[in-house]
Amino acid sequence: MYYITTATKKIILLQKRIRAIPGGTSAGKTVGIIEVLIDKAQRDKIPTVTSVVSESFPHLKRGVMRDFLGILRLHEYFVEDRWNRTDSIYTFENNSILEFFS
């Protein structure tokens, strides 16, 4: 189950363009960041492209992509036709996209 974590609350308060998110393993950083990115993508008035990048594609699939899809499904935001599995791109209703690559 996903819920608003302390990390999510701290991330929401950050306002600079580049944000450093410290914390140990299982500190909720990934989930918090993804929740904020989903919220931003859904609210954008002008469509944006947000890239989520990791050291390797298997690392992305087992981590942030799994969390991303889980959060969308949990909150019933996920629309299968908007998920391009081949390119790992999700397009929101307002045409903002989140893309995942290594």
C-alpha atoms as a PDB file:
ATOM      1  CA  MET A   1       0.000   0.000   0.000  1.00  0.00           C
ATOM      2  CA  TYR A   2       1.207   3.483  -0.804  1.00  0.00           C
ATOM      3  CA  TYR A   3       0.561   6.479   1.405  1.00  0.00           C
ATOM      4  CA  ILE A   4       2.003   9.927   1.959  1.00  0.00           C
ATOM      5  CA  THR A   5       5.314   9.422   3.725  1.00  0.00           C
ATOM      6  CA  THR A   6       7.531  11.813   5.660  1.00  0.00           C
ATOM      7  CA  ALA A   7       9.787  11.825   2.583  1.00  0.00           C
ATOM      8  CA  THR A   8       6.850  12.845   0.370  1.00  0.00           C
ATOM      9  CA  LYS A   9       5.975  15.720   2.702  1.00  0.00           C
ATOM     10  CA  LYS A  10       9.588  16.951   2.653  1.00  0.00           C
ATOM     11  CA  ILE A  11       9.805  16.663  -1.147  1.00  0.00           C
ATOM     12  CA  ILE A  12       6.598  18.676  -1.589  1.00  0.00           C
ATOM     13  CA  LEU A  13       8.107  21.527   0.433  1.00  0.00           C
ATOM     14  CA  LEU A  14      11.211  21.747  -1.796  1.00  0.00           C
ATOM     15  CA  GLN A  15      10.874  24.531  -4.360  1.00  0.00           C
ATOM     16  CA  LYS A  16      14.216  24.709  -6.206  1.00  0.00           C
ATOM     17  CA  ARG A  17      14.580  23.352  -9.741  1.00  0.00           C
ATOM     18  CA  ILE A  18      17.159  20.760  -8.610  1.00  0.00           C
ATOM     19  CA  ARG A  19      16.285  18.957  -5.403  1.00  0.00           C
ATOM     20  CA  ALA A  20      18.569  16.681  -3.381  1.00  0.00           C
ATOM     21  CA  ILE A  21      16.721  13.962  -1.501  1.00  0.00           C
ATOM     22  CA  PRO A  22      18.930  12.324   1.181  1.00  0.00           C
ATOM     23  CA  GLY A  23      17.981   9.198   3.074  1.00  0.00           C
ATOM     24  CA  GLY A  24      18.836   5.591   3.651  1.00  0.00           C
ATOM     25  CA  THR A  25      17.453   2.423   2.135  1.00  0.00           C
ATOM     26  CA  SER A  26      13.659   2.126   2.495  1.00  0.00           C
ATOM     27  CA  ALA A  27      13.339   5.792   3.489  1.00  0.00           C
ATOM     28  CA  GLY A  28      10.473   6.317   1.037  1.00  0.00           C
ATOM     29  CA  LYS A  29      12.427   8.507  -1.367  1.00  0.00           C
ATOM     30  CA  THR A  30      11.446   6.719  -4.570  1.00  0.00           C
ATOM     31  CA  VAL A  31       7.755   6.506  -3.703  1.00  0.00           C
ATOM     32  CA  GLY A  32       7.704  10.123  -2.530  1.00  0.00           C
ATOM     33  CA  ILE A  33       9.410  11.409  -5.653  1.00  0.00           C
ATOM     34  CA  ILE A  34       7.144   9.407  -7.965  1.00  0.00           C
ATOM     35  CA  GLU A  35       4.020  10.626  -6.147  1.00  0.00           C
ATOM     36  CA  VAL A  36       5.155  14.223  -6.610  1.00  0.00           C
ATOM     37  CA  LEU A  37       5.985  13.640 -10.301  1.00  0.00           C
ATOM     38  CA  ILE A  38       2.594  12.031 -10.955  1.00  0.00           C
ATOM     39  CA  ASP A  39       0.820  14.919  -9.250  1.00  0.00           C
ATOM     40  CA  LYS A  40       2.819  17.493 -11.221  1.00  0.00           C
ATOM     41  CA  ALA A  41       2.269  15.709 -14.545  1.00  0.00           C
ATOM     42  CA  GLN A  42      -1.479  15.529 -13.932  1.00  0.00           C
ATOM     43  CA  ARG A  43      -1.710  19.240 -13.029  1.00  0.00           C
ATOM     44  CA  ASP A  44       0.448  20.679 -15.827  1.00  0.00           C
ATOM     45  CA  LYS A  45      -1.459  23.203 -17.926  1.00  0.00           C
ATOM     46  CA  ILE A  46       1.117  22.896 -20.722  1.00  0.00           C
ATOM     47  CA  PRO A  47       2.247  19.305 -21.426  1.00  0.00           C
ATOM     48  CA  THR A  48       5.694  18.472 -20.051  1.00  0.00           C
ATOM     49  CA  VAL A  49       8.194  15.666 -20.459  1.00  0.00           C
ATOM     50  CA  THR A  50       9.744  14.273 -17.292  1.00  0.00           C
ATOM     51  CA  SER A  51      12.576  11.748 -17.506  1.00  0.00           C
ATOM     52  CA  VAL A  52      13.237   9.211 -14.766  1.00  0.00           C
ATOM     53  CA  VAL A  53      16.733   7.793 -15.210  1.00  0.00           C
ATOM     54  CA  SER A  54      18.630   5.005 -13.458  1.00  0.00           C
ATOM     55  CA  GLU A  55      21.955   3.187 -13.749  1.00  0.00           C
ATOM     56  CA  SER A  56      20.433   0.240 -15.625  1.00  0.00           C
ATOM     57  CA  PHE A  57      17.101  -0.747 -17.133  1.00  0.00           C
ATOM     58  CA  PRO A  58      16.665  -3.823 -14.885  1.00  0.00           C
ATOM     59  CA  HIS A  59      17.218  -1.525 -11.886  1.00  0.00           C
ATOM     60  CA  LEU A  60      14.490   0.807 -13.214  1.00  0.00           C
ATOM     61  CA  LYS A  61      12.016  -2.036 -13.824  1.00  0.00           C
ATOM     62  CA  ARG A  62      12.444  -3.592 -10.378  1.00  0.00           C
ATOM     63  CA  GLY A  63      12.335  -0.263  -8.588  1.00  0.00           C
ATOM     64  CA  VAL A  64      10.856   2.995  -9.726  1.00  0.00           C
ATOM     65  CA  MET A  65       8.752   1.652 -12.634  1.00  0.00           C
ATOM     66  CA  ARG A  66       7.154  -0.981 -10.390  1.00  0.00           C
ATOM     67  CA  ASP A  67       6.375   1.708  -7.800  1.00  0.00           C
ATOM     68  CA  PHE A  68       5.074   4.110 -10.473  1.00  0.00           C
ATOM     69  CA  LEU A  69       2.679   1.569 -11.989  1.00  0.00           C
ATOM     70  CA  GLY A  70       1.614   0.382  -8.533  1.00  0.00           C
ATOM     71  CA  ILE A  71       0.745   3.912  -7.430  1.00  0.00           C
ATOM     72  CA  LEU A  72      -1.222   4.596 -10.624  1.00  0.00           C
ATOM     73  CA  ARG A  73      -3.166   1.342 -10.250  1.00  0.00           C
ATOM     74  CA  LEU A  74      -3.810   1.832  -6.524  1.00  0.00           C
ATOM     75  CA  HIS A  75      -5.329   5.259  -7.123  1.00  0.00           C
ATOM     76  CA  GLU A  76      -7.133   4.045 -10.271  1.00  0.00           C
ATOM     77  CA  TYR A  77      -5.243   6.513 -12.498  1.00  0.00           C
ATOM     78  CA  PHE A  78      -3.719   3.820 -14.701  1.00  0.00           C
ATOM     79  CA  VAL A  79      -5.043   3.595 -18.273  1.00  0.00           C
ATOM     80  CA  GLU A  80      -3.502   0.716 -20.203  1.00  0.00           C
ATOM     81  CA  ASP A  81      -3.626   2.548 -23.543  1.00  0.00           C
ATOM     82  CA  ARG A  82      -1.526   5.381 -22.100  1.00  0.00           C
ATOM     83  CA  TRP A  83       1.366   3.048 -21.118  1.00  0.00           C
ATOM     84  CA  ASN A  84       3.844   2.421 -23.932  1.00  0.00           C
ATOM     85  CA  ARG A  85       5.612  -0.716 -22.680  1.00  0.00           C
ATOM     86  CA  THR A  86       8.101  -0.735 -25.540  1.00  0.00           C
ATOM     87  CA  ASP A  87       9.441   2.760 -24.865  1.00  0.00           C
ATOM     88  CA  SER A  88       8.521   2.865 -21.143  1.00  0.00           C
ATOM     89  CA  ILE A  89       6.525   6.071 -21.511  1.00  0.00           C
ATOM     90  CA  TYR A  90       3.289   6.949 -19.740  1.00  0.00           C
ATOM     91  CA  THR A  91       1.169   9.715 -21.281  1.00  0.00           C
ATOM     92  CA  PHE A  92      -1.264  11.463 -18.958  1.00  0.00           C
ATOM     93  CA  GLU A  93      -4.671  12.822 -19.994  1.00  0.00           C
ATOM     94  CA  ASN A  94      -3.197  16.317 -20.502  1.00  0.00           C
ATOM     95  CA  ASN A  95      -0.425  14.887 -22.754  1.00  0.00           C
ATOM     96  CA  SER A  96       2.320  15.313 -20.155  1.00  0.00           C
ATOM     97  CA  ILE A  97       4.594  12.283 -20.171  1.00  0.00           C
ATOM     98  CA  LEU A  98       6.861  10.401 -17.786  1.00  0.00           C
ATOM     99  CA  GLU A  99       9.580   8.452 -19.572  1.00  0.00           C
ATOM    100  CA  PHE A 100      11.905   5.881 -18.024  1.00  0.00           C
ATOM    101  CA  PHE A 101      15.358   5.040 -19.364  1.00  0.00           C
ATOM    102  CA  SER A 102      18.862   4.121 -18.264  1.00  0.00           C
END
